[in-house]
Amino acid sequence: ARKYGVSVSSLTKLNGMSTRSTLRVGRRIRVR
């Protein structure tokens, strides 16, 4: 979120995930 200047809540909403979701290496997540 800091890297792209967005909020954590925005990231979770865009990707249908929660703040507790596991971030798997190699997975692509939408940031905008």
PDB file of all heavy atoms in Angstrom:
ATOM      1  N   ALA A   1       0.832  -1.211   0.000  1.00  0.00           N
ATOM      2  CA  ALA A   1       0.000   0.000   0.000  1.00  0.00           C
ATOM      3  C   ALA A   1       0.864   1.257   0.000  1.00  0.00           C
ATOM      4  O   ALA A   1       0.603   2.207  -0.752  1.00  0.00           O
ATOM      5  CB  ALA A   1      -0.924  -0.006   1.219  1.00  0.00           C
ATOM      6  N   ARG A   2       1.923   1.259   0.816  1.00  0.00           N
ATOM      7  CA  ARG A   2       2.828   2.417   0.848  1.00  0.00           C
ATOM      8  C   ARG A   2       3.539   2.594  -0.482  1.00  0.00           C
ATOM      9  O   ARG A   2       3.714   3.715  -0.970  1.00  0.00           O
ATOM     10  CB  ARG A   2       3.846   2.260   1.964  1.00  0.00           C
ATOM     11  CG  ARG A   2       3.318   2.521   3.362  1.00  0.00           C
ATOM     12  CD  ARG A   2       4.452   2.697   4.349  1.00  0.00           C
ATOM     13  NE  ARG A   2       5.327   1.536   4.384  1.00  0.00           N
ATOM     14  CZ  ARG A   2       5.135   0.469   5.163  1.00  0.00           C
ATOM     15  NH1 ARG A   2       4.077   0.439   5.975  1.00  0.00           N
ATOM     16  NH2 ARG A   2       5.972  -0.553   5.142  1.00  0.00           N
ATOM     17  N   LYS A   3       3.947   1.500  -1.068  1.00  0.00           N
ATOM     18  CA  LYS A   3       4.699   1.552  -2.335  1.00  0.00           C
ATOM     19  C   LYS A   3       3.896   2.225  -3.442  1.00  0.00           C
ATOM     20  O   LYS A   3       4.440   3.002  -4.237  1.00  0.00           O
ATOM     21  CB  LYS A   3       5.070   0.127  -2.756  1.00  0.00           C
ATOM     22  CG  LYS A   3       5.775   0.011  -4.114  1.00  0.00           C
ATOM     23  CD  LYS A   3       6.074  -1.445  -4.422  1.00  0.00           C
ATOM     24  CE  LYS A   3       6.650  -1.601  -5.824  1.00  0.00           C
ATOM     25  NZ  LYS A   3       7.974  -0.998  -5.965  1.00  0.00           N
ATOM     26  N   TYR A   4       2.591   1.940  -3.494  1.00  0.00           N
ATOM     27  CA  TYR A   4       1.770   2.458  -4.584  1.00  0.00           C
ATOM     28  C   TYR A   4       0.882   3.630  -4.162  1.00  0.00           C
ATOM     29  O   TYR A   4       0.078   4.121  -4.941  1.00  0.00           O
ATOM     30  CB  TYR A   4       0.901   1.337  -5.164  1.00  0.00           C
ATOM     31  CG  TYR A   4       1.722   0.286  -5.868  1.00  0.00           C
ATOM     32  CD1 TYR A   4       2.074  -0.897  -5.226  1.00  0.00           C
ATOM     33  CD2 TYR A   4       2.187   0.486  -7.161  1.00  0.00           C
ATOM     34  CE1 TYR A   4       2.853  -1.856  -5.857  1.00  0.00           C
ATOM     35  CE2 TYR A   4       2.957  -0.467  -7.808  1.00  0.00           C
ATOM     36  CZ  TYR A   4       3.293  -1.633  -7.150  1.00  0.00           C
ATOM     37  OH  TYR A   4       4.073  -2.573  -7.787  1.00  0.00           O
ATOM     38  N   GLY A   5       1.029   4.083  -2.922  1.00  0.00           N
ATOM     39  CA  GLY A   5       0.278   5.239  -2.477  1.00  0.00           C
ATOM     40  C   GLY A   5      -1.214   4.996  -2.361  1.00  0.00           C
ATOM     41  O   GLY A   5      -2.027   5.884  -2.661  1.00  0.00           O
ATOM     42  N   VAL A   6      -1.594   3.781  -1.952  1.00  0.00           N
ATOM     43  CA  VAL A   6      -3.009   3.445  -1.766  1.00  0.00           C
ATOM     44  C   VAL A   6      -3.219   2.953  -0.340  1.00  0.00           C
ATOM     45  O   VAL A   6      -2.267   2.762   0.411  1.00  0.00           O
ATOM     46  CB  VAL A   6      -3.468   2.364  -2.780  1.00  0.00           C
ATOM     47  CG1 VAL A   6      -3.324   2.881  -4.198  1.00  0.00           C
ATOM     48  CG2 VAL A   6      -2.662   1.079  -2.608  1.00  0.00           C
ATOM     49  N   SER A   7      -4.464   2.725   0.034  1.00  0.00           N
ATOM     50  CA  SER A   7      -4.767   2.242   1.382  1.00  0.00           C
ATOM     51  C   SER A   7      -4.858   0.722   1.402  1.00  0.00           C
ATOM     52  O   SER A   7      -5.125   0.079   0.375  1.00  0.00           O
ATOM     53  CB  SER A   7      -6.085   2.837   1.879  1.00  0.00           C
ATOM     54  OG  SER A   7      -7.170   2.362   1.095  1.00  0.00           O
ATOM     55  N   VAL A   8      -4.648   0.131   2.563  1.00  0.00           N
ATOM     56  CA  VAL A   8      -4.779  -1.312   2.723  1.00  0.00           C
ATOM     57  C   VAL A   8      -6.212  -1.748   2.438  1.00  0.00           C
ATOM     58  O   VAL A   8      -6.453  -2.774   1.799  1.00  0.00           O
ATOM     59  CB  VAL A   8      -4.360  -1.743   4.145  1.00  0.00           C
ATOM     60  CG1 VAL A   8      -4.687  -3.223   4.384  1.00  0.00           C
ATOM     61  CG2 VAL A   8      -2.870  -1.500   4.362  1.00  0.00           C
ATOM     62  N   SER A   9      -7.168  -0.953   2.910  1.00  0.00           N
ATOM     63  CA  SER A   9      -8.582  -1.299   2.685  1.00  0.00           C
ATOM     64  C   SER A   9      -8.910  -1.327   1.195  1.00  0.00           C
ATOM     65  O   SER A   9      -9.700  -2.145   0.730  1.00  0.00           O
ATOM     66  CB  SER A   9      -9.495  -0.302   3.406  1.00  0.00           C
ATOM     67  OG  SER A   9      -9.284   1.020   2.927  1.00  0.00           O
ATOM     68  N   SER A  10      -8.257  -0.421   0.418  1.00  0.00           N
ATOM     69  CA  SER A  10      -8.474  -0.416  -1.029  1.00  0.00           C
ATOM     70  C   SER A  10      -7.934  -1.697  -1.660  1.00  0.00           C
ATOM     71  O   SER A  10      -8.579  -2.296  -2.535  1.00  0.00           O
ATOM     72  CB  SER A  10      -7.796   0.802  -1.649  1.00  0.00           C
ATOM     73  OG  SER A  10      -7.889   0.765  -3.059  1.00  0.00           O
ATOM     74  N   LEU A  11      -6.766  -2.148  -1.198  1.00  0.00           N
ATOM     75  CA  LEU A  11      -6.181  -3.383  -1.719  1.00  0.00           C
ATOM     76  C   LEU A  11      -7.068  -4.587  -1.427  1.00  0.00           C
ATOM     77  O   LEU A  11      -7.289  -5.436  -2.299  1.00  0.00           O
ATOM     78  CB  LEU A  11      -4.794  -3.607  -1.101  1.00  0.00           C
ATOM     79  CG  LEU A  11      -3.664  -2.686  -1.555  1.00  0.00           C
ATOM     80  CD1 LEU A  11      -2.373  -3.054  -0.818  1.00  0.00           C
ATOM     81  CD2 LEU A  11      -3.449  -2.778  -3.051  1.00  0.00           C
ATOM     82  N   THR A  12      -7.546  -4.682  -0.209  1.00  0.00           N
ATOM     83  CA  THR A  12      -8.380  -5.838   0.157  1.00  0.00           C
ATOM     84  C   THR A  12      -9.690  -5.843  -0.625  1.00  0.00           C
ATOM     85  O   THR A  12     -10.169  -6.886  -1.056  1.00  0.00           O
ATOM     86  CB  THR A  12      -8.666  -5.834   1.674  1.00  0.00           C
ATOM     87  OG1 THR A  12      -9.275  -4.577   2.038  1.00  0.00           O
ATOM     88  CG2 THR A  12      -7.381  -6.018   2.469  1.00  0.00           C
ATOM     89  N   LYS A  13     -10.264  -4.660  -0.846  1.00  0.00           N
ATOM     90  CA  LYS A  13     -11.525  -4.569  -1.586  1.00  0.00           C
ATOM     91  C   LYS A  13     -11.326  -4.941  -3.050  1.00  0.00           C
ATOM     92  O   LYS A  13     -12.136  -5.682  -3.635  1.00  0.00           O
ATOM     93  CB  LYS A  13     -12.076  -3.151  -1.477  1.00  0.00           C
ATOM     94  CG  LYS A  13     -13.439  -2.970  -2.146  1.00  0.00           C
ATOM     95  CD  LYS A  13     -13.962  -1.553  -1.941  1.00  0.00           C
ATOM     96  CE  LYS A  13     -15.321  -1.375  -2.606  1.00  0.00           C
ATOM     97  NZ  LYS A  13     -15.851   0.007  -2.402  1.00  0.00           N
ATOM     98  N   LEU A  14     -10.242  -4.454  -3.666  1.00  0.00           N
ATOM     99  CA  LEU A  14      -9.980  -4.743  -5.076  1.00  0.00           C
ATOM    100  C   LEU A  14      -9.741  -6.225  -5.331  1.00  0.00           C
ATOM    101  O   LEU A  14     -10.059  -6.742  -6.401  1.00  0.00           O
ATOM    102  CB  LEU A  14      -8.758  -3.953  -5.562  1.00  0.00           C
ATOM    103  CG  LEU A  14      -8.961  -2.476  -5.882  1.00  0.00           C
ATOM    104  CD1 LEU A  14      -7.614  -1.810  -6.154  1.00  0.00           C
ATOM    105  CD2 LEU A  14      -9.883  -2.311  -7.076  1.00  0.00           C
ATOM    106  N   ASN A  15      -9.180  -6.916  -4.331  1.00  0.00           N
ATOM    107  CA  ASN A  15      -8.774  -8.306  -4.528  1.00  0.00           C
ATOM    108  C   ASN A  15      -9.637  -9.314  -3.781  1.00  0.00           C
ATOM    109  O   ASN A  15      -9.320 -10.499  -3.762  1.00  0.00           O
ATOM    110  CB  ASN A  15      -7.308  -8.467  -4.106  1.00  0.00           C
ATOM    111  CG  ASN A  15      -6.370  -7.676  -4.999  1.00  0.00           C
ATOM    112  OD1 ASN A  15      -6.026  -8.105  -6.085  1.00  0.00           O
ATOM    113  ND2 ASN A  15      -5.973  -6.489  -4.531  1.00  0.00           N
ATOM    114  N   GLY A  16     -10.729  -8.844  -3.167  1.00  0.00           N
ATOM    115  CA  GLY A  16     -11.637  -9.744  -2.470  1.00  0.00           C
ATOM    116  C   GLY A  16     -10.954 -10.533  -1.374  1.00  0.00           C
ATOM    117  O   GLY A  16     -11.170 -11.746  -1.236  1.00  0.00           O
ATOM    118  N   MET A  17     -10.112  -9.864  -0.598  1.00  0.00           N
ATOM    119  CA  MET A  17      -9.349 -10.539   0.439  1.00  0.00           C
ATOM    120  C   MET A  17      -9.496  -9.778   1.745  1.00  0.00           C
ATOM    121  O   MET A  17     -10.067  -8.687   1.795  1.00  0.00           O
ATOM    122  CB  MET A  17      -7.868 -10.626   0.039  1.00  0.00           C
ATOM    123  CG  MET A  17      -7.245  -9.281  -0.289  1.00  0.00           C
ATOM    124  SD  MET A  17      -5.667  -9.350  -1.182  1.00  0.00           S
ATOM    125  CE  MET A  17      -4.654 -10.241  -0.067  1.00  0.00           C
ATOM    126  N   SER A  18      -8.991 -10.360   2.830  1.00  0.00           N
ATOM    127  CA  SER A  18      -9.013  -9.695   4.128  1.00  0.00           C
ATOM    128  C   SER A  18      -7.583  -9.345   4.535  1.00  0.00           C
ATOM    129  O   SER A  18      -6.615  -9.769   3.897  1.00  0.00           O
ATOM    130  CB  SER A  18      -9.632 -10.612   5.198  1.00  0.00           C
ATOM    131  OG  SER A  18      -8.748 -11.671   5.511  1.00  0.00           O
ATOM    132  N   THR A  19      -7.459  -8.570   5.593  1.00  0.00           N
ATOM    133  CA  THR A  19      -6.129  -8.177   6.069  1.00  0.00           C
ATOM    134  C   THR A  19      -5.350  -9.378   6.603  1.00  0.00           C
ATOM    135  O   THR A  19      -4.138  -9.296   6.783  1.00  0.00           O
ATOM    136  CB  THR A  19      -6.243  -7.116   7.173  1.00  0.00           C
ATOM    137  OG1 THR A  19      -7.102  -7.612   8.218  1.00  0.00           O
ATOM    138  CG2 THR A  19      -6.828  -5.819   6.618  1.00  0.00           C
ATOM    139  N   ARG A  20      -6.040 -10.501   6.835  1.00  0.00           N
ATOM    140  CA  ARG A  20      -5.377 -11.712   7.345  1.00  0.00           C
ATOM    141  C   ARG A  20      -5.028 -12.700   6.229  1.00  0.00           C
ATOM    142  O   ARG A  20      -4.442 -13.755   6.500  1.00  0.00           O
ATOM    143  CB  ARG A  20      -6.275 -12.401   8.378  1.00  0.00           C
ATOM    144  CG  ARG A  20      -6.526 -11.550   9.622  1.00  0.00           C
ATOM    145  CD  ARG A  20      -7.382 -12.312  10.623  1.00  0.00           C
ATOM    146  NE  ARG A  20      -7.624 -11.535  11.826  1.00  0.00           N
ATOM    147  CZ  ARG A  20      -8.334 -11.955  12.874  1.00  0.00           C
ATOM    148  NH1 ARG A  20      -8.883 -13.182  12.832  1.00  0.00           N
ATOM    149  NH2 ARG A  20      -8.505 -11.183  13.923  1.00  0.00           N
ATOM    150  N   SER A  21      -5.372 -12.348   5.008  1.00  0.00           N
ATOM    151  CA  SER A  21      -5.106 -13.263   3.893  1.00  0.00           C
ATOM    152  C   SER A  21      -3.606 -13.488   3.713  1.00  0.00           C
ATOM    153  O   SER A  21      -2.788 -12.584   3.936  1.00  0.00           O
ATOM    154  CB  SER A  21      -5.690 -12.706   2.591  1.00  0.00           C
ATOM    155  OG  SER A  21      -7.091 -12.579   2.675  1.00  0.00           O
ATOM    156  N   THR A  22      -3.243 -14.708   3.309  1.00  0.00           N
ATOM    157  CA  THR A  22      -1.844 -15.051   3.059  1.00  0.00           C
ATOM    158  C   THR A  22      -1.414 -14.524   1.697  1.00  0.00           C
ATOM    159  O   THR A  22      -2.121 -14.710   0.696  1.00  0.00           O
ATOM    160  CB  THR A  22      -1.641 -16.578   3.102  1.00  0.00           C
ATOM    161  OG1 THR A  22      -2.043 -17.067   4.382  1.00  0.00           O
ATOM    162  CG2 THR A  22      -0.180 -16.926   2.844  1.00  0.00           C
ATOM    163  N   LEU A  23      -0.273 -13.873   1.654  1.00  0.00           N
ATOM    164  CA  LEU A  23       0.273 -13.364   0.399  1.00  0.00           C
ATOM    165  C   LEU A  23       1.223 -14.402  -0.171  1.00  0.00           C
ATOM    166  O   LEU A  23       2.336 -14.580   0.316  1.00  0.00           O
ATOM    167  CB  LEU A  23       1.005 -12.034   0.634  1.00  0.00           C
ATOM    168  CG  LEU A  23       0.158 -10.879   1.191  1.00  0.00           C
ATOM    169  CD1 LEU A  23       1.012  -9.631   1.342  1.00  0.00           C
ATOM    170  CD2 LEU A  23      -1.049 -10.600   0.291  1.00  0.00           C
ATOM    171  N   ARG A  24       0.788 -15.075  -1.227  1.00  0.00           N
ATOM    172  CA  ARG A  24       1.597 -16.127  -1.823  1.00  0.00           C
ATOM    173  C   ARG A  24       2.583 -15.524  -2.832  1.00  0.00           C
ATOM    174  O   ARG A  24       2.188 -14.758  -3.719  1.00  0.00           O
ATOM    175  CB  ARG A  24       0.716 -17.170  -2.514  1.00  0.00           C
ATOM    176  CG  ARG A  24      -0.220 -17.916  -1.562  1.00  0.00           C
ATOM    177  CD  ARG A  24      -0.828 -19.133  -2.257  1.00  0.00           C
ATOM    178  NE  ARG A  24      -1.517 -18.754  -3.483  1.00  0.00           N
ATOM    179  CZ  ARG A  24      -2.786 -18.359  -3.518  1.00  0.00           C
ATOM    180  NH1 ARG A  24      -3.472 -18.273  -2.392  1.00  0.00           N
ATOM    181  NH2 ARG A  24      -3.351 -18.054  -4.667  1.00  0.00           N
ATOM    182  N   VAL A  25       3.843 -15.898  -2.695  1.00  0.00           N
ATOM    183  CA  VAL A  25       4.880 -15.391  -3.588  1.00  0.00           C
ATOM    184  C   VAL A  25       4.546 -15.767  -5.036  1.00  0.00           C
ATOM    185  O   VAL A  25       4.216 -16.916  -5.317  1.00  0.00           O
ATOM    186  CB  VAL A  25       6.271 -15.945  -3.202  1.00  0.00           C
ATOM    187  CG1 VAL A  25       7.317 -15.535  -4.226  1.00  0.00           C
ATOM    188  CG2 VAL A  25       6.663 -15.447  -1.814  1.00  0.00           C
ATOM    189  N   GLY A  26       4.618 -14.792  -5.911  1.00  0.00           N
ATOM    190  CA  GLY A  26       4.327 -15.027  -7.328  1.00  0.00           C
ATOM    191  C   GLY A  26       2.907 -14.666  -7.734  1.00  0.00           C
ATOM    192  O   GLY A  26       2.620 -14.503  -8.921  1.00  0.00           O
ATOM    193  N   ARG A  27       2.023 -14.487  -6.746  1.00  0.00           N
ATOM    194  CA  ARG A  27       0.655 -14.117  -7.065  1.00  0.00           C
ATOM    195  C   ARG A  27       0.581 -12.638  -7.451  1.00  0.00           C
ATOM    196  O   ARG A  27       1.280 -11.802  -6.905  1.00  0.00           O
ATOM    197  CB  ARG A  27      -0.258 -14.365  -5.853  1.00  0.00           C
ATOM    198  CG  ARG A  27      -1.699 -13.905  -6.071  1.00  0.00           C
ATOM    199  CD  ARG A  27      -2.512 -13.969  -4.797  1.00  0.00           C
ATOM    200  NE  ARG A  27      -3.832 -13.377  -4.981  1.00  0.00           N
ATOM    201  CZ  ARG A  27      -4.709 -13.175  -4.008  1.00  0.00           C
ATOM    202  NH1 ARG A  27      -4.412 -13.517  -2.756  1.00  0.00           N
ATOM    203  NH2 ARG A  27      -5.885 -12.624  -4.255  1.00  0.00           N
ATOM    204  N   ARG A  28      -0.269 -12.310  -8.405  1.00  0.00           N
ATOM    205  CA  ARG A  28      -0.481 -10.919  -8.801  1.00  0.00           C
ATOM    206  C   ARG A  28      -1.731 -10.380  -8.100  1.00  0.00           C
ATOM    207  O   ARG A  28      -2.787 -11.004  -8.121  1.00  0.00           O
ATOM    208  CB  ARG A  28      -0.650 -10.802 -10.314  1.00  0.00           C
ATOM    209  CG  ARG A  28       0.572 -11.185 -11.102  1.00  0.00           C
ATOM    210  CD  ARG A  28       0.281 -11.242 -12.589  1.00  0.00           C
ATOM    211  NE  ARG A  28       0.045  -9.951 -13.184  1.00  0.00           N
ATOM    212  CZ  ARG A  28      -1.060  -9.580 -13.825  1.00  0.00           C
ATOM    213  NH1 ARG A  28      -2.058 -10.435 -13.946  1.00  0.00           N
ATOM    214  NH2 ARG A  28      -1.185  -8.386 -14.347  1.00  0.00           N
ATOM    215  N   ILE A  29      -1.587  -9.231  -7.476  1.00  0.00           N
ATOM    216  CA  ILE A  29      -2.746  -8.585  -6.869  1.00  0.00           C
ATOM    217  C   ILE A  29      -2.923  -7.207  -7.494  1.00  0.00           C
ATOM    218  O   ILE A  29      -1.950  -6.542  -7.848  1.00  0.00           O
ATOM    219  CB  ILE A  29      -2.643  -8.468  -5.330  1.00  0.00           C
ATOM    220  CG1 ILE A  29      -1.511  -7.517  -4.940  1.00  0.00           C
ATOM    221  CG2 ILE A  29      -2.464  -9.830  -4.690  1.00  0.00           C
ATOM    222  CD1 ILE A  29      -1.517  -7.198  -3.452  1.00  0.00           C
ATOM    223  N   ARG A  30      -4.163  -6.818  -7.614  1.00  0.00           N
ATOM    224  CA  ARG A  30      -4.462  -5.526  -8.225  1.00  0.00           C
ATOM    225  C   ARG A  30      -4.228  -4.413  -7.206  1.00  0.00           C
ATOM    226  O   ARG A  30      -4.679  -4.535  -6.053  1.00  0.00           O
ATOM    227  CB  ARG A  30      -5.916  -5.510  -8.715  1.00  0.00           C
ATOM    228  CG  ARG A  30      -6.286  -4.240  -9.471  1.00  0.00           C
ATOM    229  CD  ARG A  30      -7.706  -4.309  -9.973  1.00  0.00           C
ATOM    230  NE  ARG A  30      -8.158  -3.025 -10.519  1.00  0.00           N
ATOM    231  CZ  ARG A  30      -9.375  -2.772 -10.927  1.00  0.00           C
ATOM    232  NH1 ARG A  30     -10.305  -3.726 -10.860  1.00  0.00           N
ATOM    233  NH2 ARG A  30      -9.694  -1.584 -11.381  1.00  0.00           N
ATOM    234  N   VAL A  31      -3.569  -3.352  -7.630  1.00  0.00           N
ATOM    235  CA  VAL A  31      -3.309  -2.239  -6.717  1.00  0.00           C
ATOM    236  C   VAL A  31      -4.105  -0.991  -7.096  1.00  0.00           C
ATOM    237  O   VAL A  31      -4.299  -0.102  -6.272  1.00  0.00           O
ATOM    238  CB  VAL A  31      -1.807  -1.886  -6.663  1.00  0.00           C
ATOM    239  CG1 VAL A  31      -1.032  -3.038  -6.066  1.00  0.00           C
ATOM    240  CG2 VAL A  31      -1.254  -1.542  -8.038  1.00  0.00           C
ATOM    241  N   ARG A  32      -4.557  -0.916  -8.348  1.00  0.00           N
ATOM    242  CA  ARG A  32      -5.441   0.174  -8.784  1.00  0.00           C
ATOM    243  C   ARG A  32      -6.406  -0.305  -9.871  1.00  0.00           C
ATOM    244  O   ARG A  32      -6.056  -1.172 -10.631  1.00  0.00           O
ATOM    245  CB  ARG A  32      -4.611   1.334  -9.362  1.00  0.00           C
ATOM    246  CG  ARG A  32      -3.944   2.199  -8.284  1.00  0.00           C
ATOM    247  CD  ARG A  32      -3.249   3.377  -8.917  1.00  0.00           C
ATOM    248  NE  ARG A  32      -2.565   4.176  -7.941  1.00  0.00           N
ATOM    249  CZ  ARG A  32      -3.124   5.169  -7.233  1.00  0.00           C
ATOM    250  NH1 ARG A  32      -4.380   5.461  -7.432  1.00  0.00           N
ATOM    251  NH2 ARG A  32      -2.433   5.841  -6.353  1.00  0.00           N
TER     252      ARG A  32
END
